[in-house]
Amino acid sequence: MPHVIVKMYPGRSAEQKQALADEITKAIMAVAGSSEASVSVSIEDVAPEAWVETVYKPEIVQKPGILFKKPGYNPL
């Protein structure tokens, strides 16, 4: 039952978010062998001024053991 949470800056349309969710779902189905019915995807807009405290520090810096794609930036 994979559930993916995407956090990103605001500004994408509902259509863009749906397209992203569709592509993530396809990738999970292809790589993990999950059925489409078992996949869920949520997309959370995070204001740029809140990024470091609500995403970068708790989700990236503090969880290196589960971070499989590291960002190429460091806002600290």
Protein backbone atom coordinates (compact mmCIF):
# COMPACT_ATOMS: atom_id res chain seq x y z
CA MET A 1 0.00 0.00 0.00
CA PRO A 2 2.42 2.71 -1.07
CA HIS A 3 1.46 6.26 -0.14
CA VAL A 4 3.59 9.08 -1.52
CA ILE A 5 3.59 12.62 -0.17
CA VAL A 6 4.98 15.30 -2.45
CA LYS A 7 5.81 18.63 -0.84
CA MET A 8 6.62 21.53 -3.13
CA TYR A 9 6.30 25.26 -3.55
CA PRO A 10 2.82 26.48 -4.53
CA GLY A 11 2.03 27.47 -8.08
CA ARG A 12 1.14 24.29 -9.93
CA SER A 13 -2.35 23.87 -11.33
CA ALA A 14 -4.67 21.04 -10.36
CA GLU A 15 -4.01 19.56 -13.80
CA GLN A 16 -0.24 19.60 -13.24
CA LYS A 17 -0.66 18.01 -9.82
CA GLN A 18 -2.88 15.30 -11.28
CA ALA A 19 -0.35 14.61 -14.05
CA LEU A 20 2.42 14.34 -11.44
CA ALA A 21 0.33 11.96 -9.32
CA ASP A 22 -0.42 9.86 -12.41
CA GLU A 23 3.29 9.58 -13.30
CA ILE A 24 4.28 8.73 -9.72
CA THR A 25 1.59 6.05 -9.68
CA LYS A 26 2.88 4.57 -12.95
CA ALA A 27 6.44 4.50 -11.61
CA ILE A 28 5.40 2.74 -8.40
CA MET A 29 3.42 0.19 -10.37
CA ALA A 30 6.36 -0.49 -12.70
CA VAL A 31 9.15 -0.60 -10.12
CA ALA A 32 7.45 -1.92 -6.98
CA GLY A 33 4.89 -4.14 -8.68
CA SER A 34 2.00 -2.47 -6.86
CA SER A 35 -1.47 -2.36 -8.31
CA GLU A 36 -2.93 1.01 -9.22
CA ALA A 37 -5.65 0.54 -6.60
CA SER A 38 -3.06 0.21 -3.84
CA VAL A 39 -1.24 3.48 -4.61
CA SER A 40 -2.18 6.86 -3.17
CA VAL A 41 -0.48 10.20 -3.76
CA SER A 42 -0.97 13.50 -1.96
CA ILE A 43 0.56 16.83 -2.91
CA GLU A 44 1.15 19.46 -0.26
CA ASP A 45 1.98 23.06 -1.12
CA VAL A 46 4.58 24.58 1.20
CA ALA A 47 5.31 28.31 1.17
CA PRO A 48 8.94 29.12 0.32
CA GLU A 49 9.44 30.92 3.63
CA ALA A 50 8.32 27.78 5.50
CA TRP A 51 10.40 25.29 3.47
CA VAL A 52 13.49 25.07 5.67
CA GLU A 53 11.63 24.55 8.95
CA THR A 54 8.76 22.36 7.71
CA VAL A 55 10.46 20.29 5.01
CA TYR A 56 14.24 20.67 4.71
CA LYS A 57 15.25 20.19 8.33
CA PRO A 58 12.70 17.55 9.47
CA GLU A 59 12.32 15.58 6.22
CA ILE A 60 15.75 15.85 4.59
CA VAL A 61 18.41 16.68 7.19
CA GLN A 62 16.97 14.59 10.01
CA LYS A 63 16.12 11.48 7.95
CA PRO A 64 19.23 10.64 5.92
CA GLY A 65 18.66 6.90 6.27
CA ILE A 66 15.44 6.98 4.25
CA LEU A 67 16.41 9.72 1.77
CA PHE A 68 17.11 7.97 -1.53
CA LYS A 69 17.42 11.11 -3.66
CA LYS A 70 19.35 13.91 -2.02
CA PRO A 71 18.73 17.50 -3.12
CA GLY A 72 21.40 19.47 -4.91
CA TYR A 73 20.93 22.53 -2.73
CA ASN A 74 21.53 23.51 0.89
CA PRO A 75 19.46 26.43 2.21
CA LEU A 76 21.25 26.38 5.55
